[in-house]
Amino acid sequence: MKFKFALAWALGAASLGGPVLAHGVVLEHRQLSSVEVAAQFETGEPMANAQVLVYAPDNPSEPWQQGNTDDQGRFSFVPDTTLVGNWEVMVRQAGHGAIATIPIGAATGGEATNLALEAEAEPSPESLISPSTTLSPVQRGITIGSVIWGFIGTALFFARGKR
């Protein structure tokens, strides 16, 4: 029984020093006659089949277009050039997401431009998706506490003996 408790304790202690696995999101877009958005995690893995919501400048509360990214994390749309202003493209998948703001209008003259910008992860006031994947000190403390509590519970389960 002491061996099991020591093993559970050693596993718990070993897991505290490991890195926390999380995904950040990088959005890039190019503006040609259409706008192409490429979404990928910070690891470079494409966000395949992620949900995409496109918001027009005149109605930022309802999506102008919805869709999914392809296997390479790409999504294209042709904006209505009569709607001048900042278009917002939100891409999200499994709790990860980001919003790209894309200016469309007189500055581009409706002609093809080639922009390669890294989208800023802007937090949306209505969004529950955190744009940052780093954990705050409170979240880190709760995570570590939960892991320790799990190991203590496991150790107590094995320490109860046979009944």
C-alpha atoms as a PDB file:
ATOM      1  CA  MET A   1       0.000   0.000   0.000  1.00  0.00           C
ATOM      2  CA  LYS A   2       2.845   2.375   0.778  1.00  0.00           C
ATOM      3  CA  PHE A   3       4.280   1.612  -2.666  1.00  0.00           C
ATOM      4  CA  LYS A   4       1.026   2.616  -4.371  1.00  0.00           C
ATOM      5  CA  PHE A   5       0.833   5.792  -2.333  1.00  0.00           C
ATOM      6  CA  ALA A   6       4.465   6.616  -3.123  1.00  0.00           C
ATOM      7  CA  LEU A   7       3.862   5.886  -6.801  1.00  0.00           C
ATOM      8  CA  ALA A   8       0.804   8.146  -6.887  1.00  0.00           C
ATOM      9  CA  TRP A   9       2.728  10.875  -5.091  1.00  0.00           C
ATOM     10  CA  ALA A  10       5.696  10.565  -7.481  1.00  0.00           C
ATOM     11  CA  LEU A  11       3.433  10.763 -10.525  1.00  0.00           C
ATOM     12  CA  GLY A  12       1.743  13.815  -9.086  1.00  0.00           C
ATOM     13  CA  ALA A  13       5.018  15.547  -8.347  1.00  0.00           C
ATOM     14  CA  ALA A  14       6.394  14.718 -11.794  1.00  0.00           C
ATOM     15  CA  SER A  15       3.377  16.173 -13.541  1.00  0.00           C
ATOM     16  CA  LEU A  16       3.638  19.554 -11.822  1.00  0.00           C
ATOM     17  CA  GLY A  17       6.761  20.604 -13.670  1.00  0.00           C
ATOM     18  CA  GLY A  18       5.478  19.791 -17.158  1.00  0.00           C
ATOM     19  CA  PRO A  19       4.354  22.353 -19.685  1.00  0.00           C
ATOM     20  CA  VAL A  20       0.694  23.191 -20.010  1.00  0.00           C
ATOM     21  CA  LEU A  21      -0.691  22.178 -23.383  1.00  0.00           C
ATOM     22  CA  ALA A  22      -2.735  24.848 -25.089  1.00  0.00           C
ATOM     23  CA  HIS A  23      -3.387  26.228 -28.543  1.00  0.00           C
ATOM     24  CA  GLY A  24      -3.085  29.789 -29.697  1.00  0.00           C
ATOM     25  CA  VAL A  25      -4.602  30.881 -32.953  1.00  0.00           C
ATOM     26  CA  VAL A  26      -3.034  32.799 -35.827  1.00  0.00           C
ATOM     27  CA  LEU A  27      -5.232  34.267 -38.542  1.00  0.00           C
ATOM     28  CA  GLU A  28      -3.854  35.610 -41.796  1.00  0.00           C
ATOM     29  CA  HIS A  29      -5.809  37.102 -44.638  1.00  0.00           C
ATOM     30  CA  ARG A  30      -5.159  38.177 -48.225  1.00  0.00           C
ATOM     31  CA  GLN A  31      -7.423  40.514 -50.077  1.00  0.00           C
ATOM     32  CA  LEU A  32      -7.753  39.886 -53.789  1.00  0.00           C
ATOM     33  CA  SER A  33     -11.080  40.119 -55.592  1.00  0.00           C
ATOM     34  CA  SER A  34     -12.126  37.970 -52.719  1.00  0.00           C
ATOM     35  CA  VAL A  35     -10.806  37.780 -49.201  1.00  0.00           C
ATOM     36  CA  GLU A  36      -8.994  34.629 -48.208  1.00  0.00           C
ATOM     37  CA  VAL A  37      -8.521  33.829 -44.554  1.00  0.00           C
ATOM     38  CA  ALA A  38      -6.008  31.235 -43.386  1.00  0.00           C
ATOM     39  CA  ALA A  39      -6.459  30.042 -39.831  1.00  0.00           C
ATOM     40  CA  GLN A  40      -3.960  27.962 -37.955  1.00  0.00           C
ATOM     41  CA  PHE A  41      -2.966  27.216 -34.409  1.00  0.00           C
ATOM     42  CA  GLU A  42       0.252  28.673 -33.043  1.00  0.00           C
ATOM     43  CA  THR A  43       1.860  25.290 -33.642  1.00  0.00           C
ATOM     44  CA  GLY A  44       1.300  25.732 -37.394  1.00  0.00           C
ATOM     45  CA  GLU A  45      -1.440  23.119 -37.530  1.00  0.00           C
ATOM     46  CA  PRO A  46      -4.266  24.360 -39.783  1.00  0.00           C
ATOM     47  CA  MET A  47      -7.675  24.878 -38.220  1.00  0.00           C
ATOM     48  CA  ALA A  48      -9.436  22.389 -40.486  1.00  0.00           C
ATOM     49  CA  ASN A  49     -13.230  22.556 -40.638  1.00  0.00           C
ATOM     50  CA  ALA A  50     -13.376  25.478 -38.213  1.00  0.00           C
ATOM     51  CA  GLN A  51     -16.507  27.612 -38.042  1.00  0.00           C
ATOM     52  CA  VAL A  52     -16.202  30.971 -39.829  1.00  0.00           C
ATOM     53  CA  LEU A  53     -18.537  33.914 -39.284  1.00  0.00           C
ATOM     54  CA  VAL A  54     -18.221  37.015 -41.485  1.00  0.00           C
ATOM     55  CA  TYR A  55     -19.711  40.273 -40.202  1.00  0.00           C
ATOM     56  CA  ALA A  56     -20.405  43.204 -42.502  1.00  0.00           C
ATOM     57  CA  PRO A  57     -19.618  46.732 -41.295  1.00  0.00           C
ATOM     58  CA  ASP A  58     -23.278  47.787 -41.350  1.00  0.00           C
ATOM     59  CA  ASN A  59     -24.486  44.957 -39.100  1.00  0.00           C
ATOM     60  CA  PRO A  60     -21.873  43.685 -36.663  1.00  0.00           C
ATOM     61  CA  SER A  61     -24.400  41.694 -34.637  1.00  0.00           C
ATOM     62  CA  GLU A  62     -25.595  39.243 -37.309  1.00  0.00           C
ATOM     63  CA  PRO A  63     -23.290  37.206 -39.541  1.00  0.00           C
ATOM     64  CA  TRP A  64     -23.285  38.273 -43.166  1.00  0.00           C
ATOM     65  CA  GLN A  65     -21.924  34.869 -44.184  1.00  0.00           C
ATOM     66  CA  GLN A  66     -21.168  31.609 -42.419  1.00  0.00           C
ATOM     67  CA  GLY A  67     -19.045  28.677 -43.422  1.00  0.00           C
ATOM     68  CA  ASN A  68     -16.217  26.352 -42.526  1.00  0.00           C
ATOM     69  CA  THR A  69     -12.533  26.342 -43.343  1.00  0.00           C
ATOM     70  CA  ASP A  70     -11.142  23.686 -45.637  1.00  0.00           C
ATOM     71  CA  ASP A  71      -8.567  21.058 -44.652  1.00  0.00           C
ATOM     72  CA  GLN A  72      -5.807  23.683 -44.908  1.00  0.00           C
ATOM     73  CA  GLY A  73      -7.650  26.110 -42.624  1.00  0.00           C
ATOM     74  CA  ARG A  74      -8.552  28.443 -45.518  1.00  0.00           C
ATOM     75  CA  PHE A  75     -11.807  30.244 -46.166  1.00  0.00           C
ATOM     76  CA  SER A  76     -12.654  32.713 -48.944  1.00  0.00           C
ATOM     77  CA  PHE A  77     -15.487  35.137 -49.377  1.00  0.00           C
ATOM     78  CA  VAL A  78     -16.351  37.967 -51.759  1.00  0.00           C
ATOM     79  CA  PRO A  79     -17.434  41.008 -49.772  1.00  0.00           C
ATOM     80  CA  ASP A  80     -20.096  43.404 -50.989  1.00  0.00           C
ATOM     81  CA  THR A  81     -17.923  46.369 -51.998  1.00  0.00           C
ATOM     82  CA  THR A  82     -20.833  48.762 -51.516  1.00  0.00           C
ATOM     83  CA  LEU A  83     -20.512  48.113 -47.780  1.00  0.00           C
ATOM     84  CA  VAL A  84     -17.462  50.203 -46.993  1.00  0.00           C
ATOM     85  CA  GLY A  85     -15.768  49.744 -43.651  1.00  0.00           C
ATOM     86  CA  ASN A  86     -14.169  47.152 -41.452  1.00  0.00           C
ATOM     87  CA  TRP A  87     -15.361  43.626 -41.980  1.00  0.00           C
ATOM     88  CA  GLU A  88     -14.810  41.171 -39.177  1.00  0.00           C
ATOM     89  CA  VAL A  89     -14.070  37.503 -39.680  1.00  0.00           C
ATOM     90  CA  MET A  90     -14.345  35.227 -36.663  1.00  0.00           C
ATOM     91  CA  VAL A  91     -12.850  31.757 -36.831  1.00  0.00           C
ATOM     92  CA  ARG A  92     -13.337  29.322 -33.981  1.00  0.00           C
ATOM     93  CA  GLN A  93     -12.894  25.676 -33.284  1.00  0.00           C
ATOM     94  CA  ALA A  94     -13.040  23.671 -30.089  1.00  0.00           C
ATOM     95  CA  GLY A  95     -12.847  26.640 -27.768  1.00  0.00           C
ATOM     96  CA  HIS A  96     -10.130  28.422 -29.718  1.00  0.00           C
ATOM     97  CA  GLY A  97     -10.739  31.387 -31.914  1.00  0.00           C
ATOM     98  CA  ALA A  98      -9.738  34.793 -33.172  1.00  0.00           C
ATOM     99  CA  ILE A  99     -11.225  37.747 -34.972  1.00  0.00           C
ATOM    100  CA  ALA A 100      -9.617  39.488 -37.959  1.00  0.00           C
ATOM    101  CA  THR A 101     -10.666  43.008 -38.929  1.00  0.00           C
ATOM    102  CA  ILE A 102     -10.375  43.554 -42.674  1.00  0.00           C
ATOM    103  CA  PRO A 103     -10.822  47.040 -44.153  1.00  0.00           C
ATOM    104  CA  ILE A 104     -12.881  47.030 -47.363  1.00  0.00           C
ATOM    105  CA  GLY A 105     -13.739  50.143 -49.284  1.00  0.00           C
ATOM    106  CA  ALA A 106     -12.484  53.319 -50.851  1.00  0.00           C
ATOM    107  CA  ALA A 107      -8.900  52.831 -49.692  1.00  0.00           C
ATOM    108  CA  THR A 108      -8.635  49.645 -51.698  1.00  0.00           C
ATOM    109  CA  GLY A 109     -10.687  51.043 -54.612  1.00  0.00           C
ATOM    110  CA  GLY A 110     -12.284  47.682 -55.070  1.00  0.00           C
ATOM    111  CA  GLU A 111      -9.167  46.519 -56.887  1.00  0.00           C
ATOM    112  CA  ALA A 112      -7.168  43.544 -55.954  1.00  0.00           C
ATOM    113  CA  THR A 113      -4.672  44.164 -53.266  1.00  0.00           C
ATOM    114  CA  ASN A 114      -2.391  41.702 -51.686  1.00  0.00           C
ATOM    115  CA  LEU A 115      -2.216  41.962 -47.963  1.00  0.00           C
ATOM    116  CA  ALA A 116      -0.627  39.502 -45.660  1.00  0.00           C
ATOM    117  CA  LEU A 117      -1.479  40.510 -42.183  1.00  0.00           C
ATOM    118  CA  GLU A 118      -1.473  38.624 -39.013  1.00  0.00           C
ATOM    119  CA  ALA A 119      -4.823  39.071 -37.422  1.00  0.00           C
ATOM    120  CA  GLU A 120      -4.924  40.442 -33.987  1.00  0.00           C
ATOM    121  CA  ALA A 121      -6.831  38.345 -31.567  1.00  0.00           C
ATOM    122  CA  GLU A 122      -9.416  40.823 -30.464  1.00  0.00           C
ATOM    123  CA  PRO A 123     -11.673  39.783 -27.638  1.00  0.00           C
ATOM    124  CA  SER A 124     -15.300  40.145 -28.520  1.00  0.00           C
ATOM    125  CA  PRO A 125     -17.474  41.393 -25.675  1.00  0.00           C
ATOM    126  CA  GLU A 126     -20.040  38.672 -26.406  1.00  0.00           C
ATOM    127  CA  SER A 127     -17.504  35.935 -26.983  1.00  0.00           C
ATOM    128  CA  LEU A 128     -16.709  33.302 -24.417  1.00  0.00           C
ATOM    129  CA  ILE A 129     -13.627  32.303 -26.356  1.00  0.00           C
ATOM    130  CA  SER A 130     -10.426  33.561 -24.873  1.00  0.00           C
ATOM    131  CA  PRO A 131      -8.089  34.959 -27.514  1.00  0.00           C
ATOM    132  CA  SER A 132      -5.111  34.085 -25.396  1.00  0.00           C
ATOM    133  CA  THR A 133      -4.040  30.583 -24.594  1.00  0.00           C
ATOM    134  CA  THR A 134      -1.784  31.508 -21.735  1.00  0.00           C
ATOM    135  CA  LEU A 135      -3.220  30.788 -18.361  1.00  0.00           C
ATOM    136  CA  SER A 136      -3.592  33.482 -15.777  1.00  0.00           C
ATOM    137  CA  PRO A 137      -2.007  32.850 -12.373  1.00  0.00           C
ATOM    138  CA  VAL A 138      -5.448  32.056 -10.936  1.00  0.00           C
ATOM    139  CA  GLN A 139      -6.218  29.569 -13.721  1.00  0.00           C
ATOM    140  CA  ARG A 140      -2.791  27.996 -13.311  1.00  0.00           C
ATOM    141  CA  GLY A 141      -3.326  27.691  -9.548  1.00  0.00           C
ATOM    142  CA  ILE A 142      -6.743  26.091 -10.020  1.00  0.00           C
ATOM    143  CA  THR A 143      -5.307  23.652 -12.569  1.00  0.00           C
ATOM    144  CA  ILE A 144      -2.414  22.659 -10.337  1.00  0.00           C
ATOM    145  CA  GLY A 145      -4.740  22.377  -7.338  1.00  0.00           C
ATOM    146  CA  SER A 146      -7.110  20.155  -9.316  1.00  0.00           C
ATOM    147  CA  VAL A 147      -4.277  17.864 -10.366  1.00  0.00           C
ATOM    148  CA  ILE A 148      -2.994  17.604  -6.794  1.00  0.00           C
ATOM    149  CA  TRP A 149      -6.521  16.952  -5.522  1.00  0.00           C
ATOM    150  CA  GLY A 150      -6.912  14.202  -8.134  1.00  0.00           C
ATOM    151  CA  PHE A 151      -3.722  12.510  -7.038  1.00  0.00           C
ATOM    152  CA  ILE A 152      -4.695  12.734  -3.378  1.00  0.00           C
ATOM    153  CA  GLY A 153      -8.070  11.194  -4.164  1.00  0.00           C
ATOM    154  CA  THR A 154      -6.431   8.418  -6.146  1.00  0.00           C
ATOM    155  CA  ALA A 155      -3.936   7.758  -3.357  1.00  0.00           C
ATOM    156  CA  LEU A 156      -6.718   7.654  -0.764  1.00  0.00           C
ATOM    157  CA  PHE A 157      -8.691   5.254  -2.960  1.00  0.00           C
ATOM    158  CA  PHE A 158      -5.809   2.803  -3.090  1.00  0.00           C
ATOM    159  CA  ALA A 159      -4.922   3.385   0.574  1.00  0.00           C
ATOM    160  CA  ARG A 160      -8.365   2.360   1.823  1.00  0.00           C
ATOM    161  CA  GLY A 161      -7.398  -1.292   1.557  1.00  0.00           C
ATOM    162  CA  LYS A 162      -9.518  -4.239   0.661  1.00  0.00           C
ATOM    163  CA  ARG A 163     -13.001  -4.514   2.112  1.00  0.00           C
END
